C-alpha atoms as a PDB file:
ATOM      1  CA  UNK A   1      -1.324 -17.857  15.372  1.00  0.00           C
ATOM      2  CA  UNK A   2      -3.382 -16.054  17.997  1.00  0.00           C
ATOM      3  CA  UNK A   3      -5.418 -13.071  16.865  1.00  0.00           C
ATOM      4  CA  UNK A   4      -4.129  -9.669  17.825  1.00  0.00           C
ATOM      5  CA  UNK A   5      -5.949  -7.240  20.074  1.00  0.00           C
ATOM      6  CA  UNK A   6      -8.003  -4.186  19.186  1.00  0.00           C
ATOM      7  CA  UNK A   7      -6.840  -1.297  21.378  1.00  0.00           C
ATOM      8  CA  UNK A   8      -8.898   1.896  21.490  1.00  0.00           C
ATOM      9  CA  UNK A   9      -6.894   4.839  22.811  1.00  0.00           C
ATOM     10  CA  UNK A  10      -8.626   8.110  23.687  1.00  0.00           C
ATOM     11  CA  UNK A  11      -7.831  11.191  25.716  1.00  0.00           C
ATOM     12  CA  UNK A  12      -8.386  14.936  25.840  1.00  0.00           C
ATOM     13  CA  UNK A  13      -6.461  17.190  23.478  1.00  0.00           C
ATOM     14  CA  UNK A  14      -3.081  17.770  25.123  1.00  0.00           C
ATOM     15  CA  UNK A  15      -3.093  14.478  27.061  1.00  0.00           C
ATOM     16  CA  UNK A  16      -0.244  13.218  24.877  1.00  0.00           C
ATOM     17  CA  UNK A  17      -2.024  10.250  23.290  1.00  0.00           C
ATOM     18  CA  UNK A  18      -0.535  11.023  19.852  1.00  0.00           C
ATOM     19  CA  UNK A  19       3.003  10.972  21.247  1.00  0.00           C
ATOM     20  CA  UNK A  20       2.276   7.705  23.066  1.00  0.00           C
ATOM     21  CA  UNK A  21       1.009   6.106  19.849  1.00  0.00           C
ATOM     22  CA  UNK A  22       4.128   7.190  17.916  1.00  0.00           C
ATOM     23  CA  UNK A  23       6.291   5.470  20.539  1.00  0.00           C
ATOM     24  CA  UNK A  24       4.156   2.310  20.726  1.00  0.00           C
ATOM     25  CA  UNK A  25       4.199   1.667  16.965  1.00  0.00           C
ATOM     26  CA  UNK A  26       8.004   1.599  16.983  1.00  0.00           C
ATOM     27  CA  UNK A  27       7.334  -1.944  18.255  1.00  0.00           C
ATOM     28  CA  UNK A  28       6.289  -3.945  15.163  1.00  0.00           C
ATOM     29  CA  UNK A  29       3.716  -5.866  17.214  1.00  0.00           C
ATOM     30  CA  UNK A  30       1.566  -2.725  17.199  1.00  0.00           C
ATOM     31  CA  UNK A  31      -0.119  -1.327  14.123  1.00  0.00           C
ATOM     32  CA  UNK A  32      -1.924   1.996  13.923  1.00  0.00           C
ATOM     33  CA  UNK A  33      -5.356   1.871  12.336  1.00  0.00           C
ATOM     34  CA  UNK A  34      -5.334   3.948   9.151  1.00  0.00           C
ATOM     35  CA  UNK A  35      -8.315   6.226   8.585  1.00  0.00           C
ATOM     36  CA  UNK A  36     -10.143   6.880   5.324  1.00  0.00           C
ATOM     37  CA  UNK A  37     -10.615  10.501   4.273  1.00  0.00           C
ATOM     38  CA  UNK A  38     -12.012  12.504   1.365  1.00  0.00           C
ATOM     39  CA  UNK A  39      -9.583  15.394   1.829  1.00  0.00           C
ATOM     40  CA  UNK A  40      -6.685  15.898  -0.560  1.00  0.00           C
ATOM     41  CA  UNK A  41      -3.297  14.418   0.453  1.00  0.00           C
ATOM     42  CA  UNK A  42      -0.913  16.918   2.012  1.00  0.00           C
ATOM     43  CA  UNK A  43       2.708  17.117   0.963  1.00  0.00           C
ATOM     44  CA  UNK A  44       4.552  13.979   2.083  1.00  0.00           C
ATOM     45  CA  UNK A  45       1.403  11.975   2.867  1.00  0.00           C
ATOM     46  CA  UNK A  46       1.235   8.509   1.318  1.00  0.00           C
ATOM     47  CA  UNK A  47      -1.744   6.353   0.398  1.00  0.00           C
ATOM     48  CA  UNK A  48      -2.093   3.451   2.846  1.00  0.00           C
ATOM     49  CA  UNK A  49       0.474   4.941   5.235  1.00  0.00           C
ATOM     50  CA  UNK A  50      -1.078   8.154   6.545  1.00  0.00           C
ATOM     51  CA  UNK A  51      -4.614   7.709   5.165  1.00  0.00           C
ATOM     52  CA  UNK A  52      -6.632   5.850   2.578  1.00  0.00           C
ATOM     53  CA  UNK A  53      -7.693   8.685   0.259  1.00  0.00           C
ATOM     54  CA  UNK A  54     -11.144   8.326  -1.313  1.00  0.00           C
ATOM     55  CA  UNK A  55     -13.554  10.413  -3.350  1.00  0.00           C
ATOM     56  CA  UNK A  56     -16.717  11.597  -1.619  1.00  0.00           C
ATOM     57  CA  UNK A  57     -18.712   9.138  -3.736  1.00  0.00           C
ATOM     58  CA  UNK A  58     -16.452   6.208  -2.775  1.00  0.00           C
ATOM     59  CA  UNK A  59     -16.647   7.179   0.906  1.00  0.00           C
ATOM     60  CA  UNK A  60     -20.445   7.403   0.828  1.00  0.00           C
ATOM     61  CA  UNK A  61     -20.517   3.962  -0.818  1.00  0.00           C
ATOM     62  CA  UNK A  62     -18.450   2.644   2.133  1.00  0.00           C
ATOM     63  CA  UNK A  63     -21.029   4.162   4.521  1.00  0.00           C
ATOM     64  CA  UNK A  64     -23.905   2.564   2.593  1.00  0.00           C
ATOM     65  CA  UNK A  65     -22.175  -0.844   2.610  1.00  0.00           C
ATOM     66  CA  UNK A  66     -21.452  -0.653   6.366  1.00  0.00           C
ATOM     67  CA  UNK A  67     -17.675  -0.801   5.816  1.00  0.00           C
ATOM     68  CA  UNK A  68     -16.822   1.807   8.468  1.00  0.00           C
ATOM     69  CA  UNK A  69     -16.678   1.428  12.233  1.00  0.00           C
ATOM     70  CA  UNK A  70     -17.318   5.129  12.706  1.00  0.00           C
ATOM     71  CA  UNK A  71     -17.129   8.274  10.628  1.00  0.00           C
ATOM     72  CA  UNK A  72     -17.540  12.024  10.931  1.00  0.00           C
ATOM     73  CA  UNK A  73     -17.487  15.097   8.728  1.00  0.00           C
ATOM     74  CA  UNK A  74     -15.090  17.982   9.455  1.00  0.00           C
ATOM     75  CA  UNK A  75     -14.700  21.067   7.243  1.00  0.00           C
ATOM     76  CA  UNK A  76     -16.611  19.429   4.361  1.00  0.00           C
ATOM     77  CA  UNK A  77     -14.414  16.307   4.415  1.00  0.00           C
ATOM     78  CA  UNK A  78     -15.269  12.840   5.659  1.00  0.00           C
ATOM     79  CA  UNK A  79     -13.004  10.878   8.007  1.00  0.00           C
ATOM     80  CA  UNK A  80     -13.689   7.310   9.044  1.00  0.00           C
ATOM     81  CA  UNK A  81     -12.285   4.042  10.410  1.00  0.00           C
ATOM     82  CA  UNK A  82     -12.441   1.113   7.958  1.00  0.00           C
ATOM     83  CA  UNK A  83     -13.403  -2.300   9.354  1.00  0.00           C
ATOM     84  CA  UNK A  84     -11.544  -4.432   6.796  1.00  0.00           C
ATOM     85  CA  UNK A  85      -8.069  -3.081   7.584  1.00  0.00           C
ATOM     86  CA  UNK A  86      -8.543  -3.695  11.313  1.00  0.00           C
ATOM     87  CA  UNK A  87     -10.007  -7.177  10.987  1.00  0.00           C
ATOM     88  CA  UNK A  88      -7.374  -8.349   8.481  1.00  0.00           C
ATOM     89  CA  UNK A  89      -4.539  -6.985  10.647  1.00  0.00           C
ATOM     90  CA  UNK A  90      -5.891  -8.598  13.831  1.00  0.00           C
ATOM     91  CA  UNK A  91      -6.189 -11.963  12.032  1.00  0.00           C
ATOM     92  CA  UNK A  92      -2.483 -11.661  11.166  1.00  0.00           C
ATOM     93  CA  UNK A  93      -1.733 -11.375  14.911  1.00  0.00           C
ATOM     94  CA  UNK A  94      -1.102  -7.615  15.013  1.00  0.00           C
ATOM     95  CA  UNK A  95      -2.308  -5.513  17.949  1.00  0.00           C
ATOM     96  CA  UNK A  96      -4.174  -2.679  16.230  1.00  0.00           C
ATOM     97  CA  UNK A  97      -4.328   0.725  17.907  1.00  0.00           C
ATOM     98  CA  UNK A  98      -7.307   2.942  17.147  1.00  0.00           C
ATOM     99  CA  UNK A  99      -6.591   6.508  18.250  1.00  0.00           C
ATOM    100  CA  UNK A 100     -10.169   7.724  18.469  1.00  0.00           C
ATOM    101  CA  UNK A 101     -12.060  10.622  20.039  1.00  0.00           C
ATOM    102  CA  UNK A 102     -14.428   9.792  22.904  1.00  0.00           C
ATOM    103  CA  UNK A 103     -17.586   9.920  20.751  1.00  0.00           C
ATOM    104  CA  UNK A 104     -16.081   7.576  18.151  1.00  0.00           C
ATOM    105  CA  UNK A 105     -14.892   5.228  20.890  1.00  0.00           C
ATOM    106  CA  UNK A 106     -18.457   4.799  22.117  1.00  0.00           C
ATOM    107  CA  UNK A 107     -19.546   3.860  18.575  1.00  0.00           C
ATOM    108  CA  UNK A 108     -16.721   1.316  18.337  1.00  0.00           C
ATOM    109  CA  UNK A 109     -17.666  -0.227  21.698  1.00  0.00           C
ATOM    110  CA  UNK A 110     -21.024  -1.239  20.240  1.00  0.00           C
ATOM    111  CA  UNK A 111     -19.316  -3.045  17.343  1.00  0.00           C
ATOM    112  CA  UNK A 112     -16.220  -4.397  19.153  1.00  0.00           C
ATOM    113  CA  UNK A 113     -17.186  -4.919  22.808  1.00  0.00           C
ATOM    114  CA  UNK A 114     -14.110  -7.170  23.140  1.00  0.00           C
ATOM    115  CA  UNK A 115     -11.705  -4.301  22.326  1.00  0.00           C
ATOM    116  CA  UNK A 116      -9.501  -2.846  25.074  1.00  0.00           C
ATOM    117  CA  UNK A 117     -10.484   0.737  25.884  1.00  0.00           C
ATOM    118  CA  UNK A 118      -7.702   2.892  27.359  1.00  0.00           C
ATOM    119  CA  UNK A 119      -8.219   6.499  28.423  1.00  0.00           C
ATOM    120  CA  UNK A 120      -5.102   8.677  28.585  1.00  0.00           C
ATOM    121  CA  UNK A 121      -5.386  11.562  31.030  1.00  0.00           C
ATOM    122  CA  UNK A 122      -3.083  14.397  32.124  1.00  0.00           C
ATOM    123  CA  UNK A 123      -1.883  14.484  35.757  1.00  0.00           C
ATOM    124  CA  UNK A 124      -3.969  17.635  36.336  1.00  0.00           C
ATOM    125  CA  UNK A 125      -6.036  20.244  34.524  1.00  0.00           C
ATOM    126  CA  UNK A 126      -3.309  22.809  35.236  1.00  0.00           C
ATOM    127  CA  UNK A 127      -0.762  20.577  33.469  1.00  0.00           C
ATOM    128  CA  UNK A 128      -3.139  20.097  30.548  1.00  0.00           C
ATOM    129  CA  UNK A 129      -3.534  23.870  30.232  1.00  0.00           C
ATOM    130  CA  UNK A 130       0.241  24.306  30.386  1.00  0.00           C
ATOM    131  CA  UNK A 131       0.711  21.792  27.548  1.00  0.00           C
ATOM    132  CA  UNK A 132      -1.934  23.437  25.368  1.00  0.00           C
ATOM    133  CA  UNK A 133      -0.451  26.902  25.940  1.00  0.00           C
ATOM    134  CA  UNK A 134       3.067  25.507  25.367  1.00  0.00           C
ATOM    135  CA  UNK A 135       2.143  24.334  21.873  1.00  0.00           C
ATOM    136  CA  UNK A 136       1.861  27.968  20.853  1.00  0.00           C
ATOM    137  CA  UNK A 137      -0.447  27.051  17.993  1.00  0.00           C
ATOM    138  CA  UNK A 138      -3.847  28.247  19.198  1.00  0.00           C
ATOM    139  CA  UNK A 139      -5.572  31.394  20.427  1.00  0.00           C
ATOM    140  CA  UNK A 140      -6.639  31.609  24.074  1.00  0.00           C
ATOM    141  CA  UNK A 141     -10.344  31.177  23.261  1.00  0.00           C
ATOM    142  CA  UNK A 142      -9.576  27.854  21.485  1.00  0.00           C
ATOM    143  CA  UNK A 143      -7.510  26.689  24.473  1.00  0.00           C
ATOM    144  CA  UNK A 144     -10.432  27.528  26.783  1.00  0.00           C
ATOM    145  CA  UNK A 145     -12.769  25.516  24.530  1.00  0.00           C
ATOM    146  CA  UNK A 146     -10.354  22.564  24.639  1.00  0.00           C
ATOM    147  CA  UNK A 147     -10.195  22.727  28.459  1.00  0.00           C
ATOM    148  CA  UNK A 148     -13.988  22.804  28.686  1.00  0.00           C
ATOM    149  CA  UNK A 149     -14.184  19.855  26.298  1.00  0.00           C
ATOM    150  CA  UNK A 150     -11.532  17.991  28.319  1.00  0.00           C
ATOM    151  CA  UNK A 151     -13.715  18.197  31.439  1.00  0.00           C
ATOM    152  CA  UNK A 152     -16.668  16.796  29.477  1.00  0.00           C
ATOM    153  CA  UNK A 153     -14.534  13.933  28.150  1.00  0.00           C
ATOM    154  CA  UNK A 154     -13.022  13.169  31.573  1.00  0.00           C
ATOM    155  CA  UNK A 155     -16.533  12.734  32.950  1.00  0.00           C
ATOM    156  CA  UNK A 156     -16.881   9.675  30.667  1.00  0.00           C
ATOM    157  CA  UNK A 157     -13.894   7.847  32.177  1.00  0.00           C
ATOM    158  CA  UNK A 158     -16.044   4.946  33.442  1.00  0.00           C
ATOM    159  CA  UNK A 159     -16.789   3.893  29.837  1.00  0.00           C
ATOM    160  CA  UNK A 160     -13.118   2.855  29.519  1.00  0.00           C
ATOM    161  CA  UNK A 161     -11.445  -0.291  30.869  1.00  0.00           C
ATOM    162  CA  UNK A 162      -8.189   1.367  31.918  1.00  0.00           C
ATOM    163  CA  UNK A 163      -6.897   4.814  32.838  1.00  0.00           C
ATOM    164  CA  UNK A 164      -3.296   5.774  32.043  1.00  0.00           C
ATOM    165  CA  UNK A 165      -2.012   8.977  33.635  1.00  0.00           C
ATOM    166  CA  UNK A 166       0.472  10.522  31.228  1.00  0.00           C
ATOM    167  CA  UNK A 167       2.740  12.366  33.653  1.00  0.00           C
ATOM    168  CA  UNK A 168       5.961  10.831  32.322  1.00  0.00           C
ATOM    169  CA  UNK A 169       5.871   9.418  28.786  1.00  0.00           C
ATOM    170  CA  UNK A 170       8.090   6.400  29.529  1.00  0.00           C
ATOM    171  CA  UNK A 171       5.876   5.320  32.441  1.00  0.00           C
ATOM    172  CA  UNK A 172       2.674   5.799  30.430  1.00  0.00           C
ATOM    173  CA  UNK A 173       4.034   3.559  27.661  1.00  0.00           C
ATOM    174  CA  UNK A 174       5.108   0.946  30.231  1.00  0.00           C
ATOM    175  CA  UNK A 175       1.580   1.014  31.693  1.00  0.00           C
ATOM    176  CA  UNK A 176       0.037   0.371  28.279  1.00  0.00           C
ATOM    177  CA  UNK A 177       2.475  -2.471  27.554  1.00  0.00           C
ATOM    178  CA  UNK A 178       1.530  -4.038  30.908  1.00  0.00           C
ATOM    179  CA  UNK A 179      -2.178  -3.715  30.103  1.00  0.00           C
ATOM    180  CA  UNK A 180      -1.694  -5.372  26.704  1.00  0.00           C
ATOM    181  CA  UNK A 181       0.424  -8.141  28.244  1.00  0.00           C
ATOM    182  CA  UNK A 182      -2.218  -8.897  30.872  1.00  0.00           C
ATOM    183  CA  UNK A 183      -5.029  -8.856  28.299  1.00  0.00           C
ATOM    184  CA  UNK A 184      -3.188 -11.459  26.206  1.00  0.00           C
ATOM    185  CA  UNK A 185      -3.259 -13.800  29.232  1.00  0.00           C
ATOM    186  CA  UNK A 186      -7.051 -13.725  29.553  1.00  0.00           C
ATOM    187  CA  UNK A 187      -8.599 -17.204  29.558  1.00  0.00           C
ATOM    188  CA  UNK A 188     -10.700 -16.450  26.462  1.00  0.00           C
ATOM    189  CA  UNK A 189      -7.527 -16.358  24.335  1.00  0.00           C
ATOM    190  CA  UNK A 190      -6.559 -19.903  25.349  1.00  0.00           C
ATOM    191  CA  UNK A 191      -9.698 -21.829  24.388  1.00  0.00           C
ATOM    192  CA  UNK A 192      -8.049 -23.776  21.541  1.00  0.00           C
ATOM    193  CA  UNK A 193      -4.972 -24.755  23.590  1.00  0.00           C
ATOM    194  CA  UNK A 194      -6.989 -25.843  26.620  1.00  0.00           C
ATOM    195  CA  UNK A 195      -9.413 -27.858  24.512  1.00  0.00           C
ATOM    196  CA  UNK A 196      -6.494 -29.617  22.823  1.00  0.00           C
ATOM    197  CA  UNK A 197      -4.967 -30.505  26.206  1.00  0.00           C
ATOM    198  CA  UNK A 198      -8.291 -31.810  27.527  1.00  0.00           C
ATOM    199  CA  UNK A 199      -9.098 -33.949  24.497  1.00  0.00           C
ATOM    200  CA  UNK A 200      -5.630 -35.421  23.842  1.00  0.00           C
END
């Protein structure tokens, strides 16, 4: 069995990366990386499905033992990406998606330089603003902060391998499936087969 791929997916708030991930994982070949958190489970959240829930002490032990790819603290709670889950899943042949913010993606690149880095962008800043306003969940000052942050994140596009413009969801998903298909055909994934052919 060939190992699966590690796929890092980032994009500004409102780019639609979350919606893309929900569609991709309907295909059983893909698996979404599950984060570890110290916050309390919300209603309907399940251990090992939505998050791995840990105490602050257990999380800090994971940090000390270098068991996390990246982590951050928001509102007095830790959130992080566990290495073991990803590495075990990839060994089983699953393509693991890590939906990660730009800063976290840069940390992951240092640990997994062989991962595929995909940056999801909106077709325009005006469209991004329209999507953020359309959510109806945030005040105007927060939307303005998100737009400012989006420009900062977009400036880092060259740190990614691929850009996917999410204008139409179906096309964006097709683009990602094509990227994954092409990556699986890279020569580095065929070393064992080629060696067997040569030496038999």
